N, C-alpha and C. Protein backbone atom coordinates (compact mmCIF):
# COMPACT_ATOMS: atom_id res chain seq x y z
N UNK A 1 -8.45 9.67 -2.74
CA UNK A 1 -8.40 11.23 -3.88
C UNK A 1 -7.99 10.71 -4.98
N UNK A 2 -8.48 11.39 -6.22
CA UNK A 2 -7.59 11.46 -7.23
C UNK A 2 -6.66 11.85 -7.64
N UNK A 3 -6.10 11.38 -8.83
CA UNK A 3 -4.65 11.60 -8.74
C UNK A 3 -4.35 13.07 -9.80
N UNK A 4 -5.70 13.85 -10.22
CA UNK A 4 -5.74 15.02 -10.02
C UNK A 4 -5.27 16.07 -9.10
N UNK A 5 -5.44 15.66 -7.77
CA UNK A 5 -5.51 16.24 -6.69
C UNK A 5 -4.21 15.32 -5.71
N UNK A 6 -3.17 15.62 -6.49
CA UNK A 6 -2.05 15.09 -5.81
C UNK A 6 -1.29 15.21 -6.63
N UNK A 7 0.11 15.28 -6.26
CA UNK A 7 1.61 15.63 -6.61
C UNK A 7 2.00 14.87 -5.70
N UNK A 8 3.09 14.29 -6.49
CA UNK A 8 4.05 13.29 -6.28
C UNK A 8 5.84 13.48 -6.64
N UNK A 9 6.57 14.12 -5.43
CA UNK A 9 7.72 14.06 -5.68
C UNK A 9 8.90 13.10 -4.70
N UNK A 10 9.48 12.97 -5.51
CA UNK A 10 10.89 12.35 -4.89
C UNK A 10 11.75 12.47 -3.90
N UNK A 11 12.54 12.35 -2.97
CA UNK A 11 13.26 12.70 -2.05
C UNK A 11 14.52 12.28 -2.06
N UNK A 12 15.42 12.37 -1.97
CA UNK A 12 16.63 11.56 -2.20
C UNK A 12 16.92 11.64 -1.07
N UNK A 13 16.32 11.76 -0.12
CA UNK A 13 17.03 12.05 1.30
C UNK A 13 16.05 11.91 2.64
N UNK A 14 14.71 11.89 1.95
CA UNK A 14 14.13 11.80 3.16
C UNK A 14 14.12 9.88 3.53
N UNK A 15 13.90 9.05 2.69
CA UNK A 15 14.11 7.70 3.08
C UNK A 15 15.19 7.35 2.00
N UNK A 16 16.37 7.30 2.84
CA UNK A 16 17.45 6.72 1.97
C UNK A 16 17.62 5.56 2.32
N UNK A 17 17.59 4.16 2.05
CA UNK A 17 17.83 2.46 1.96
C UNK A 17 18.49 1.83 1.42
N UNK A 18 19.59 2.41 0.83
CA UNK A 18 20.65 1.90 -0.49
C UNK A 18 21.14 1.39 -0.88
N UNK A 19 21.06 -0.05 -0.80
CA UNK A 19 22.10 -0.93 -1.64
C UNK A 19 22.93 -0.44 -3.09
N UNK A 20 22.36 0.18 -3.37
CA UNK A 20 23.25 0.64 -4.56
C UNK A 20 21.57 1.14 -5.97
N UNK A 21 22.01 0.95 -7.13
CA UNK A 21 20.78 1.55 -8.12
C UNK A 21 21.24 1.59 -9.51
N UNK A 22 20.95 1.76 -10.34
CA UNK A 22 20.63 1.90 -11.79
C UNK A 22 20.47 2.97 -11.93
N UNK A 23 20.65 3.25 -13.40
CA UNK A 23 20.89 4.74 -14.01
C UNK A 23 18.98 4.60 -14.21
N UNK A 24 18.93 6.23 -14.02
CA UNK A 24 17.33 6.12 -14.44
C UNK A 24 17.53 7.15 -16.10
N UNK A 25 17.02 7.00 -17.31
CA UNK A 25 17.35 7.88 -18.28
C UNK A 25 16.23 9.15 -18.17
N UNK A 26 15.99 9.84 -18.21
CA UNK A 26 14.31 10.87 -18.02
C UNK A 26 14.12 11.39 -19.70
N UNK A 27 12.51 12.17 -19.87
CA UNK A 27 12.37 12.58 -20.70
C UNK A 27 13.17 14.27 -20.90
N UNK A 28 12.75 14.87 -21.71
CA UNK A 28 13.27 16.41 -21.93
C UNK A 28 12.96 16.93 -20.71
N UNK A 29 12.97 18.14 -19.90
CA UNK A 29 11.26 18.81 -19.17
C UNK A 29 11.48 19.96 -19.47
N UNK A 30 10.18 20.09 -19.01
CA UNK A 30 10.05 21.51 -19.80
C UNK A 30 9.07 22.31 -18.69
N UNK A 31 9.50 23.93 -18.55
CA UNK A 31 9.10 24.34 -17.87
C UNK A 31 6.84 24.80 -18.26
N UNK A 32 6.54 24.34 -17.30
CA UNK A 32 5.31 24.99 -17.55
C UNK A 32 4.32 25.22 -16.43
N UNK A 33 4.79 26.30 -16.44
CA UNK A 33 4.17 27.91 -15.47
C UNK A 33 2.73 27.68 -15.47
N UNK A 34 2.14 27.29 -13.84
CA UNK A 34 0.67 27.56 -13.61
C UNK A 34 0.13 28.51 -12.52
N UNK A 35 -1.22 28.96 -11.95
CA UNK A 35 -1.72 30.13 -11.66
C UNK A 35 -1.35 29.40 -10.71
N UNK A 36 -1.52 28.62 -9.46
CA UNK A 36 -1.67 27.89 -8.45
C UNK A 36 -0.32 27.41 -8.31
N UNK A 37 0.99 27.06 -7.22
CA UNK A 37 2.05 26.50 -7.56
C UNK A 37 1.57 25.84 -6.65
N UNK A 38 3.12 24.51 -6.07
CA UNK A 38 3.02 23.85 -5.73
C UNK A 38 3.59 24.24 -3.80
N UNK A 39 3.97 23.81 -2.54
CA UNK A 39 4.09 24.35 -1.46
C UNK A 39 4.94 22.95 -1.76
N UNK A 40 6.82 23.48 -1.58
CA UNK A 40 7.44 21.91 -1.41
C UNK A 40 8.14 22.18 0.19
N UNK A 41 8.12 23.50 0.43
CA UNK A 41 9.07 22.89 1.99
C UNK A 41 8.48 21.92 2.78
N UNK A 42 7.28 21.21 2.81
CA UNK A 42 6.95 19.99 3.70
C UNK A 42 7.95 19.00 3.66
N UNK A 43 7.79 18.89 2.43
CA UNK A 43 8.28 17.67 1.77
C UNK A 43 9.85 17.52 2.27
N UNK A 44 10.96 18.36 2.30
CA UNK A 44 12.17 18.28 2.47
C UNK A 44 12.16 18.35 3.72
N UNK A 45 11.55 19.57 4.74
CA UNK A 45 11.72 19.71 6.45
C UNK A 45 11.28 19.74 7.05
N UNK A 46 11.02 19.01 8.39
CA UNK A 46 10.01 19.08 9.28
C UNK A 46 10.09 20.08 10.79
N UNK A 47 9.19 20.84 10.92
CA UNK A 47 9.50 21.59 12.54
C UNK A 47 9.93 20.14 13.25
N UNK A 48 10.36 21.25 14.66
CA UNK A 48 10.72 20.01 15.55
C UNK A 48 9.27 19.85 16.00
N UNK A 49 9.24 18.24 16.34
CA UNK A 49 7.51 17.88 17.01
C UNK A 49 6.80 17.55 15.60
N UNK A 50 6.62 18.21 14.41
CA UNK A 50 6.45 17.85 13.24
C UNK A 50 6.29 15.91 13.17
N UNK A 51 5.27 15.72 12.76
CA UNK A 51 5.52 14.33 12.53
C UNK A 51 4.40 13.61 11.19
N UNK A 52 4.91 12.49 11.00
CA UNK A 52 3.67 11.98 9.94
C UNK A 52 3.91 10.20 10.03
N UNK A 53 2.91 9.29 9.96
CA UNK A 53 2.94 8.16 9.62
C UNK A 53 1.99 7.32 8.51
N UNK A 54 2.90 6.60 7.85
CA UNK A 54 1.62 5.56 7.09
C UNK A 54 2.11 4.29 6.64
N UNK A 55 0.78 4.21 7.04
CA UNK A 55 1.00 1.84 6.52
C UNK A 55 1.62 1.71 5.55
N UNK A 56 2.21 0.97 5.09
CA UNK A 56 2.82 0.87 3.76
C UNK A 56 2.51 -0.64 3.60
N UNK A 57 1.90 -1.50 2.21
CA UNK A 57 1.75 -2.70 1.26
C UNK A 57 2.50 -2.80 0.76
N UNK A 58 2.50 -4.06 0.29
CA UNK A 58 3.33 -4.43 -1.23
C UNK A 58 3.75 -6.05 -1.44
N UNK A 59 5.05 -6.16 -1.83
CA UNK A 59 5.19 -7.27 -2.51
C UNK A 59 6.99 -7.11 -3.03
N UNK A 60 7.00 -8.44 -3.14
CA UNK A 60 8.73 -8.22 -3.42
C UNK A 60 8.78 -9.46 -4.83
N UNK A 61 9.76 -8.79 -5.47
CA UNK A 61 9.94 -9.68 -6.53
C UNK A 61 10.23 -11.33 -6.66
N UNK A 62 9.49 -11.71 -5.76
CA UNK A 62 9.26 -13.41 -5.83
C UNK A 62 7.72 -13.35 -5.70
N UNK A 63 6.93 -12.57 -5.16
CA UNK A 63 5.90 -12.37 -5.67
C UNK A 63 5.13 -12.85 -3.71
N UNK A 64 5.95 -12.50 -2.89
CA UNK A 64 5.63 -12.42 -1.19
C UNK A 64 5.11 -10.71 -1.03
N UNK A 65 4.22 -11.40 0.15
CA UNK A 65 3.89 -9.40 0.11
C UNK A 65 4.23 -9.48 1.74
N UNK A 66 4.29 -8.30 1.56
CA UNK A 66 4.99 -7.87 2.50
C UNK A 66 3.82 -6.51 2.53
N UNK A 67 3.69 -5.91 4.50
CA UNK A 67 3.15 -4.71 4.88
C UNK A 67 4.26 -3.57 5.83
N UNK A 68 4.43 -2.61 6.04
CA UNK A 68 5.05 -2.47 6.87
C UNK A 68 4.90 -0.98 7.75
N UNK A 69 5.65 0.33 8.14
CA UNK A 69 5.10 1.77 8.20
C UNK A 69 6.09 1.99 8.25
N UNK A 70 6.28 3.57 7.81
CA UNK A 70 7.48 4.77 7.86
C UNK A 70 6.77 5.96 9.02
N UNK A 71 7.70 6.16 9.60
CA UNK A 71 7.24 7.67 10.23
C UNK A 71 8.73 8.36 10.17
N UNK A 72 8.32 9.64 9.70
CA UNK A 72 9.46 10.74 9.60
C UNK A 72 9.06 11.59 11.09
N UNK A 73 9.70 12.44 11.60
CA UNK A 73 9.91 13.00 12.57
C UNK A 73 10.66 14.03 12.87
N UNK A 74 10.20 15.61 13.21
CA UNK A 74 11.40 16.55 13.35
C UNK A 74 11.37 16.68 14.53
N UNK A 75 13.07 16.36 14.96
CA UNK A 75 13.09 16.87 16.15
C UNK A 75 13.34 17.80 17.03
N UNK A 76 14.03 18.44 18.09
CA UNK A 76 14.74 19.43 18.29
C UNK A 76 16.04 19.67 17.74
N UNK A 77 15.91 20.83 17.29
CA UNK A 77 17.38 21.86 16.96
C UNK A 77 17.93 21.49 17.92
N UNK A 78 19.32 21.88 17.37
CA UNK A 78 21.29 21.60 17.68
C UNK A 78 22.02 21.58 17.18
N UNK A 79 23.18 22.16 17.35
CA UNK A 79 24.70 22.24 17.33
C UNK A 79 24.96 20.81 16.40
N UNK A 80 25.82 20.64 15.24
CA UNK A 80 25.51 19.50 14.37
C UNK A 80 27.38 20.05 13.36
N UNK A 81 28.31 19.70 13.23
CA UNK A 81 28.89 20.13 12.65
C UNK A 81 29.57 21.82 12.70
N UNK A 82 29.43 21.66 13.62
CA UNK A 82 29.70 23.60 14.46
C UNK A 82 27.63 24.59 13.26
N UNK A 83 26.55 23.43 12.81
CA UNK A 83 26.24 24.50 12.81
C UNK A 83 24.89 24.27 13.23
N UNK A 84 23.83 25.21 13.42
CA UNK A 84 23.13 25.12 14.30
C UNK A 84 21.13 24.31 12.78
N UNK A 85 21.40 23.26 13.79
CA UNK A 85 20.21 22.34 12.54
C UNK A 85 19.11 22.00 13.13
N UNK A 86 17.88 21.59 12.52
CA UNK A 86 16.61 20.63 12.74
C UNK A 86 16.96 19.55 12.16
N UNK A 87 17.08 17.99 12.64
CA UNK A 87 17.44 16.31 12.73
C UNK A 87 15.84 16.30 12.04
N UNK A 88 15.94 15.73 11.11
CA UNK A 88 14.45 14.40 10.98
C UNK A 88 14.83 13.54 10.65
N UNK A 89 14.47 12.86 11.28
CA UNK A 89 14.59 10.75 11.38
C UNK A 89 13.64 10.30 10.79
N UNK A 90 13.80 9.20 10.12
CA UNK A 90 12.95 8.29 9.35
C UNK A 90 12.65 7.19 9.83
N UNK A 91 11.79 6.55 10.44
CA UNK A 91 11.98 5.10 10.48
C UNK A 91 11.23 4.20 9.31
N UNK A 92 11.98 3.36 9.35
CA UNK A 92 11.17 2.06 8.30
C UNK A 92 11.24 0.90 9.41
N UNK A 93 10.38 -0.02 9.47
CA UNK A 93 9.62 -1.17 9.04
C UNK A 93 9.20 -1.89 8.06
N UNK A 94 9.65 -3.10 7.22
CA UNK A 94 8.97 -4.07 6.44
C UNK A 94 8.79 -5.21 7.26
N UNK A 95 7.67 -6.06 7.31
CA UNK A 95 7.72 -7.40 7.15
C UNK A 95 7.53 -8.21 6.51
N UNK A 96 7.62 -9.22 6.01
CA UNK A 96 7.76 -10.03 5.61
C UNK A 96 6.35 -11.30 5.95
N UNK A 97 5.05 -11.04 5.36
CA UNK A 97 4.10 -11.52 5.77
C UNK A 97 4.16 -12.86 5.83
N UNK A 98 4.60 -13.92 5.06
CA UNK A 98 4.83 -15.41 5.14
C UNK A 98 5.03 -16.23 6.33
N UNK A 99 6.34 -14.97 6.25
CA UNK A 99 7.21 -15.65 7.79
C UNK A 99 7.42 -14.96 9.14
N UNK A 100 6.69 -13.58 8.75
CA UNK A 100 7.03 -12.50 10.05
C UNK A 100 8.14 -11.93 10.18
N UNK A 101 9.59 -12.48 9.36
CA UNK A 101 10.80 -11.19 9.66
C UNK A 101 10.12 -10.14 9.25
N UNK A 102 11.02 -9.34 9.72
CA UNK A 102 10.85 -7.72 9.53
C UNK A 102 12.31 -7.47 9.48
N UNK A 103 12.73 -6.08 8.91
CA UNK A 103 13.57 -5.36 8.36
C UNK A 103 13.03 -3.76 9.01
N UNK A 104 14.40 -3.61 9.93
CA UNK A 104 14.19 -2.07 10.06
C UNK A 104 15.41 -0.94 10.25
N UNK A 105 15.50 0.51 9.68
CA UNK A 105 15.70 1.09 9.29
C UNK A 105 15.51 2.41 9.33
N UNK A 106 16.44 3.05 10.35
CA UNK A 106 16.66 4.66 10.83
C UNK A 106 17.64 5.49 9.98
N UNK A 107 16.84 6.88 9.51
CA UNK A 107 17.97 7.76 8.89
C UNK A 107 17.93 9.15 9.56
N UNK A 108 18.95 9.67 9.88
CA UNK A 108 18.82 11.12 10.31
C UNK A 108 19.75 12.09 9.44
N UNK A 109 18.77 13.10 9.13
CA UNK A 109 18.58 13.82 8.13
C UNK A 109 19.13 15.50 8.69
N UNK A 110 20.38 16.29 8.56
CA UNK A 110 20.50 17.61 9.61
C UNK A 110 20.49 18.16 8.55
N UNK A 111 19.43 19.45 8.95
CA UNK A 111 19.34 20.52 7.47
C UNK A 111 19.71 21.75 8.43
N UNK A 112 19.93 22.93 7.53
CA UNK A 112 20.08 24.15 8.64
C UNK A 112 19.10 24.49 7.97
N UNK A 113 18.89 26.23 8.71
CA UNK A 113 18.13 27.33 9.00
C UNK A 113 17.62 27.37 7.63
N UNK A 114 18.01 27.00 6.60
CA UNK A 114 18.36 26.62 4.77
C UNK A 114 17.24 26.07 4.25
N UNK A 115 17.38 25.41 5.16
CA UNK A 115 16.72 23.39 4.67
C UNK A 115 17.61 22.82 3.57
N UNK A 116 18.92 23.14 3.87
CA UNK A 116 19.99 22.58 2.84
C UNK A 116 20.81 21.33 4.26
N UNK A 117 20.96 20.33 3.22
CA UNK A 117 21.66 18.99 4.04
C UNK A 117 22.70 19.88 4.29
N UNK A 118 23.36 19.28 5.85
CA UNK A 118 24.58 19.45 7.04
C UNK A 118 25.10 17.80 7.13
N UNK A 119 24.45 17.04 7.75
CA UNK A 119 24.48 15.70 7.54
C UNK A 119 23.79 14.51 7.28
N UNK A 120 23.96 13.08 7.09
CA UNK A 120 23.18 12.05 6.88
C UNK A 120 23.97 10.99 7.36
N UNK A 121 22.94 10.68 8.81
CA UNK A 121 23.48 9.37 8.75
C UNK A 121 22.64 8.43 9.32
N UNK A 122 23.17 7.03 9.03
CA UNK A 122 22.87 5.75 8.64
C UNK A 122 22.37 4.65 10.05
N UNK A 123 21.69 4.06 9.75
CA UNK A 123 21.72 3.66 11.24
C UNK A 123 22.76 2.33 11.70
N UNK A 124 23.11 1.92 10.07
CA UNK A 124 24.61 1.28 10.68
C UNK A 124 25.86 1.83 10.81
N UNK A 125 25.94 2.70 10.92
CA UNK A 125 26.92 4.12 11.29
C UNK A 125 27.80 4.75 10.07
N UNK A 126 27.42 4.73 8.68
CA UNK A 126 27.44 5.15 7.44
C UNK A 126 26.90 6.77 7.75
N UNK A 127 28.04 7.51 7.64
CA UNK A 127 27.94 9.28 7.96
C UNK A 127 27.83 9.49 6.71
N UNK A 128 27.27 10.27 5.74
CA UNK A 128 27.07 11.52 4.83
C UNK A 128 27.16 13.03 4.86
N UNK A 129 28.04 13.41 3.66
CA UNK A 129 28.20 15.07 3.60
C UNK A 129 28.10 15.28 2.38
N UNK A 130 27.06 16.73 2.30
CA UNK A 130 26.62 17.02 0.95
C UNK A 130 28.14 17.87 0.39
N UNK A 131 28.42 17.30 -1.01
CA UNK A 131 28.73 17.97 -2.00
C UNK A 131 28.25 19.03 -2.50
N UNK A 132 27.16 19.33 -2.87
CA UNK A 132 26.26 19.91 -3.87
C UNK A 132 24.62 19.78 -2.34
N UNK A 133 24.23 21.22 -2.30
CA UNK A 133 23.06 21.36 -2.27
C UNK A 133 22.11 20.98 -2.17
N UNK A 134 20.64 20.47 -1.95
CA UNK A 134 19.47 20.36 -2.86
C UNK A 134 19.31 22.22 -3.33
N UNK A 135 18.20 22.43 -4.54
CA UNK A 135 17.62 23.26 -4.78
C UNK A 135 16.54 23.39 -4.85
N UNK A 136 15.60 23.11 -4.01
CA UNK A 136 14.19 23.11 -3.78
C UNK A 136 13.58 24.46 -3.00
N UNK A 137 13.12 24.36 -3.91
CA UNK A 137 12.31 26.23 -3.72
C UNK A 137 11.07 26.18 -2.86
N UNK A 138 10.21 26.84 -2.08
CA UNK A 138 9.40 27.18 -0.81
C UNK A 138 8.40 26.24 -1.85
N UNK A 139 8.30 26.34 -2.89
CA UNK A 139 7.08 26.94 -4.14
C UNK A 139 7.77 26.38 -5.58
N UNK A 140 6.79 25.34 -6.36
CA UNK A 140 7.39 25.25 -7.31
C UNK A 140 6.31 25.34 -8.01
N UNK A 141 6.43 25.41 -9.93
CA UNK A 141 5.22 25.32 -10.97
C UNK A 141 5.10 23.65 -11.20
N UNK A 142 4.36 23.15 -11.69
CA UNK A 142 4.26 22.13 -12.48
C UNK A 142 5.30 22.18 -14.22
N UNK A 143 5.76 21.35 -13.96
CA UNK A 143 6.57 21.33 -15.24
C UNK A 143 8.27 21.64 -13.68
N UNK A 144 8.58 22.03 -13.56
CA UNK A 144 9.62 22.40 -12.53
C UNK A 144 10.31 21.27 -12.18
N UNK A 145 11.64 21.46 -12.26
CA UNK A 145 12.10 19.84 -11.39
C UNK A 145 14.06 20.85 -10.92
N UNK A 146 14.58 19.78 -10.44
CA UNK A 146 15.81 20.53 -10.22
C UNK A 146 16.84 19.06 -9.36
N UNK A 147 18.04 19.67 -8.46
CA UNK A 147 18.76 19.17 -8.22
C UNK A 147 18.24 18.57 -6.89
N UNK A 148 18.67 17.16 -6.36
CA UNK A 148 18.11 16.91 -4.89
C UNK A 148 19.39 17.33 -4.58
N UNK A 149 20.29 17.34 -5.00
CA UNK A 149 22.11 17.09 -4.47
C UNK A 149 22.66 15.72 -4.26
N UNK A 150 23.97 16.44 -3.96
CA UNK A 150 25.35 15.33 -4.05
C UNK A 150 25.27 14.85 -2.77
N UNK A 151 25.77 13.28 -2.35
CA UNK A 151 26.49 13.47 -1.05
C UNK A 151 27.59 12.21 -1.28
N UNK A 152 28.58 12.79 -0.31
CA UNK A 152 29.72 12.02 -0.34
C UNK A 152 29.54 11.23 1.64
N UNK A 153 29.45 9.63 1.36
CA UNK A 153 29.86 9.20 2.15
C UNK A 153 30.69 8.19 2.51
N UNK A 154 30.52 8.02 4.11
CA UNK A 154 31.89 6.70 4.81
C UNK A 154 31.93 5.48 4.14
N UNK A 155 31.09 5.11 4.05
CA UNK A 155 31.38 3.35 3.10
C UNK A 155 31.31 3.47 1.36
N UNK A 156 32.53 5.07 0.46
CA UNK A 156 32.37 5.25 -0.48
C UNK A 156 30.94 5.41 -1.53
N UNK A 157 30.09 5.96 -1.07
CA UNK A 157 29.13 5.66 -1.95
C UNK A 157 29.04 6.97 -1.99
N UNK A 158 28.20 7.78 -3.37
CA UNK A 158 28.58 8.75 -3.44
C UNK A 158 26.76 9.17 -3.75
N UNK A 159 25.72 9.72 -3.46
CA UNK A 159 23.76 9.51 -3.61
C UNK A 159 24.03 10.75 -3.94
N UNK A 160 23.22 10.44 -5.08
CA UNK A 160 22.52 11.96 -6.07
C UNK A 160 21.09 11.92 -6.55
N UNK A 161 20.69 12.84 -6.50
CA UNK A 161 19.06 12.44 -7.25
C UNK A 161 18.91 14.27 -7.80
N UNK A 162 16.83 13.70 -8.40
CA UNK A 162 16.19 14.96 -8.93
C UNK A 162 15.08 15.08 -7.59
N UNK A 163 14.67 15.84 -8.23
CA UNK A 163 13.29 16.61 -8.20
C UNK A 163 12.52 16.63 -9.06
N UNK A 164 11.44 16.21 -9.53
CA UNK A 164 10.64 16.47 -10.78
C UNK A 164 9.23 16.48 -10.75
N UNK A 165 8.69 17.79 -11.39
CA UNK A 165 7.38 17.48 -12.18
C UNK A 165 7.48 18.40 -12.43
N UNK A 166 7.74 17.14 -13.53
CA UNK A 166 7.22 17.60 -15.50
C UNK A 166 6.91 16.06 -15.84
N UNK A 167 6.71 15.05 -15.36
CA UNK A 167 7.11 13.79 -16.16
C UNK A 167 5.57 13.14 -17.07
N UNK A 168 4.62 13.70 -15.63
CA UNK A 168 3.32 13.25 -16.06
C UNK A 168 2.35 14.37 -16.10
N UNK A 169 1.97 15.42 -16.30
CA UNK A 169 1.02 16.35 -16.37
C UNK A 169 0.19 16.24 -16.06
N UNK A 170 -0.47 15.37 -17.17
CA UNK A 170 -2.15 14.49 -16.96
C UNK A 170 -2.51 14.51 -15.05
N UNK A 171 -1.30 13.99 -14.36
CA UNK A 171 -1.84 13.87 -13.46
C UNK A 171 -1.00 14.11 -12.04
N UNK A 172 -0.90 15.92 -12.57
CA UNK A 172 -0.27 16.75 -11.67
C UNK A 172 1.81 16.40 -11.80
N UNK A 173 1.73 15.50 -11.86
CA UNK A 173 3.71 15.29 -11.84
C UNK A 173 3.86 13.90 -11.39
N UNK A 174 5.89 13.89 -11.33
CA UNK A 174 5.71 12.44 -11.50
C UNK A 174 7.04 13.08 -10.11
N UNK A 175 8.19 11.44 -9.97
CA UNK A 175 8.84 11.66 -9.21
C UNK A 175 9.96 10.84 -9.98
N UNK A 176 11.90 11.61 -9.36
CA UNK A 176 12.93 10.55 -10.08
C UNK A 176 13.39 9.60 -8.90
N UNK A 177 14.49 8.44 -9.48
CA UNK A 177 14.94 7.91 -7.93
C UNK A 177 16.77 8.73 -8.17
N UNK A 178 16.79 8.73 -7.02
CA UNK A 178 18.28 9.00 -7.01
C UNK A 178 19.51 7.56 -7.29
N UNK A 179 20.44 8.21 -7.32
CA UNK A 179 21.45 7.07 -8.16
C UNK A 179 22.97 7.69 -7.09
N UNK A 180 22.94 6.02 -6.68
CA UNK A 180 24.07 5.96 -5.88
C UNK A 180 25.24 5.54 -7.02
N UNK A 181 26.05 5.86 -6.35
CA UNK A 181 28.26 5.86 -7.23
C UNK A 181 28.94 5.18 -6.53
N UNK A 182 29.45 3.84 -7.09
CA UNK A 182 30.26 3.04 -6.10
C UNK A 182 31.87 3.48 -6.14
N UNK A 183 33.43 4.15 -6.19
CA UNK A 183 34.25 4.08 -6.67
C UNK A 183 34.07 4.26 -8.13
N UNK A 184 33.21 5.22 -8.87
CA UNK A 184 33.15 5.21 -10.12
C UNK A 184 32.06 4.22 -11.21
N UNK A 185 31.84 3.18 -10.36
CA UNK A 185 30.67 2.39 -10.91
C UNK A 185 29.40 2.32 -10.54
N UNK A 186 28.16 2.33 -11.17
CA UNK A 186 26.80 2.33 -11.14
C UNK A 186 26.60 1.29 -10.46
N UNK A 187 26.73 1.42 -9.19
CA UNK A 187 25.46 -0.43 -8.49
C UNK A 187 24.46 -0.46 -9.09
N UNK A 188 24.22 -1.33 -9.11
CA UNK A 188 23.04 -2.53 -9.08
C UNK A 188 21.50 -1.99 -8.80
N UNK A 189 21.11 -1.90 -7.98
CA UNK A 189 20.25 -1.51 -7.84
C UNK A 189 19.44 0.02 -6.98
N UNK A 190 19.08 0.56 -7.67
CA UNK A 190 18.05 1.91 -6.88
C UNK A 190 17.17 2.00 -5.91
N UNK A 191 16.99 2.98 -5.41
CA UNK A 191 15.73 3.07 -4.60
C UNK A 191 15.04 3.94 -4.25
N UNK A 192 13.73 4.33 -5.42
CA UNK A 192 12.96 5.51 -5.12
C UNK A 192 11.86 6.24 -3.83
N UNK A 193 12.44 7.00 -3.68
CA UNK A 193 10.79 7.46 -2.67
C UNK A 193 10.49 8.68 -2.66
N UNK A 194 8.81 8.12 -2.35
CA UNK A 194 8.39 8.99 -3.16
C UNK A 194 7.82 9.17 -2.54
N UNK A 195 6.80 10.88 -1.81
CA UNK A 195 6.21 11.50 -1.03
C UNK A 195 5.22 12.12 -2.18
N UNK A 196 3.72 11.99 -1.57
CA UNK A 196 2.92 12.58 -2.46
C UNK A 196 1.57 13.73 -1.52
N UNK A 197 1.79 14.99 -2.44
CA UNK A 197 1.46 16.21 -1.60
C UNK A 197 0.47 16.99 -2.42
N UNK A 198 -0.35 17.68 -1.60
CA UNK A 198 -1.41 18.30 -2.21
C UNK A 198 -0.32 19.62 -1.99
N UNK A 199 -0.98 20.66 -3.04
CA UNK A 199 -0.31 22.15 -3.21
C UNK A 199 -0.34 22.69 -2.64
N UNK A 200 -1.03 22.78 -1.46
CA UNK A 200 -0.64 23.10 -0.27
C UNK A 200 0.88 22.45 0.68
N UNK A 201 1.08 21.67 0.27
CA UNK A 201 2.30 21.05 0.80
C UNK A 201 1.75 20.00 1.83
N UNK A 202 0.55 19.83 1.93
CA UNK A 202 0.55 18.22 3.25
C UNK A 202 0.76 17.24 2.44
N UNK A 203 1.65 16.48 2.94
CA UNK A 203 1.83 14.74 2.79
C UNK A 203 1.11 14.12 2.97
N UNK A 204 0.34 13.54 2.10
CA UNK A 204 -0.58 12.60 1.92
C UNK A 204 -0.51 11.47 1.54
N UNK A 205 1.20 11.11 0.79
CA UNK A 205 0.91 9.72 0.34
C UNK A 205 2.41 8.94 0.65
N UNK A 206 2.95 8.34 0.91
CA UNK A 206 3.89 7.48 0.32
C UNK A 206 4.60 6.16 -0.54
N UNK A 207 5.47 6.17 -1.03
CA UNK A 207 5.63 5.01 -2.14
C UNK A 207 7.24 4.98 -1.85
N UNK A 208 7.89 3.81 -1.80
CA UNK A 208 9.04 3.11 -1.72
C UNK A 208 9.03 2.13 -2.45
N UNK A 209 10.20 2.10 -3.17
CA UNK A 209 10.77 0.58 -4.11
C UNK A 209 11.93 0.82 -3.51
N UNK A 210 12.80 -0.49 -2.83
CA UNK A 210 14.58 -0.73 -3.16
C UNK A 210 14.95 -1.96 -3.40
N UNK A 211 16.01 -2.31 -3.29
CA UNK A 211 16.37 -3.27 -2.98
C UNK A 211 16.63 -4.52 -1.67
N UNK A 212 16.23 -5.20 -1.08
CA UNK A 212 16.60 -5.50 0.08
C UNK A 212 18.08 -6.46 0.37
N UNK A 213 19.11 -6.06 -0.10
CA UNK A 213 19.66 -7.03 0.73
C UNK A 213 19.86 -8.11 1.51
N UNK A 214 19.09 -8.48 2.42
CA UNK A 214 19.00 -9.23 3.37
C UNK A 214 18.61 -10.50 2.54
N UNK A 215 16.81 -10.50 1.79
CA UNK A 215 16.82 -11.22 1.37
C UNK A 215 16.48 -11.22 -0.26
N UNK A 216 17.48 -10.57 -0.69
CA UNK A 216 17.81 -10.29 -2.61
C UNK A 216 15.91 -10.66 -3.22
N UNK A 217 15.89 -9.73 -2.85
CA UNK A 217 14.55 -9.39 -3.73
C UNK A 217 14.70 -7.61 -3.99
N UNK A 218 14.06 -7.31 -4.78
CA UNK A 218 13.26 -5.89 -4.90
C UNK A 218 12.20 -5.49 -4.45
N UNK A 219 12.29 -4.33 -3.85
CA UNK A 219 10.95 -4.39 -3.45
C UNK A 219 9.85 -3.32 -3.14
N UNK A 220 8.58 -3.05 -3.13
CA UNK A 220 7.38 -2.51 -3.90
C UNK A 220 6.92 -2.40 -2.29
N UNK A 221 6.60 -0.91 -1.79
CA UNK A 221 5.61 -0.72 -0.64
C UNK A 221 4.91 0.42 -1.17
N UNK A 222 3.66 0.54 -0.62
CA UNK A 222 3.36 2.08 -1.08
C UNK A 222 1.99 2.32 0.09
N UNK A 223 1.47 3.59 0.36
CA UNK A 223 -0.21 3.88 1.35
C UNK A 223 -0.86 3.67 0.68
N UNK A 224 -0.82 3.78 -0.48
CA UNK A 224 -2.20 3.79 -1.71
C UNK A 224 -3.15 2.02 -1.67
N UNK A 225 -4.07 2.27 -1.34
CA UNK A 225 -5.08 1.23 -1.33
C UNK A 225 -4.65 0.48 -2.81
């Protein structure tokens, strides 16, 4: 599928596997309305039973090859923190092809009926709560942008980010990364999570860029050939 038929949106909490990050300086944003809007509801939340899975390929900063899978699953609604929520679980497996060693990570994001964050759980026991909720609309136009929210975590980090449909208008859209702040200081690494969607909201591609602490390398993975 060519670039003109896809749009790219960053989700700070779709898959958040962060050891830290760097500041991302962005260009000035402009609102450029179009006749046909993008549906963004599916990139934030998933109904119970909804799921997708992508095979990933890529490499690290040492030049070694990796592959992996990412799976997102909408789970059964439940009460969390006194709120009726729909959990969205994201499972990531990354395999170092030369050695066969792999890293697995899982996060669960709990969203209320308006698809605002209630809590984020990491598989290592870290828990994050929202300070500011996301402002993602159900529909947006090319050139729209906004906040993905801010979350404070039990290990001292603060996670924040933006969604953006303005940077590469010739190919429909682009994403921006989230920023993690530790005790008032910016950490060293950035995690960028990108979902590629059609205008109707169907997720058709996935990309991930992160620092992998276990191997002390930066890693880039994508579902695109």
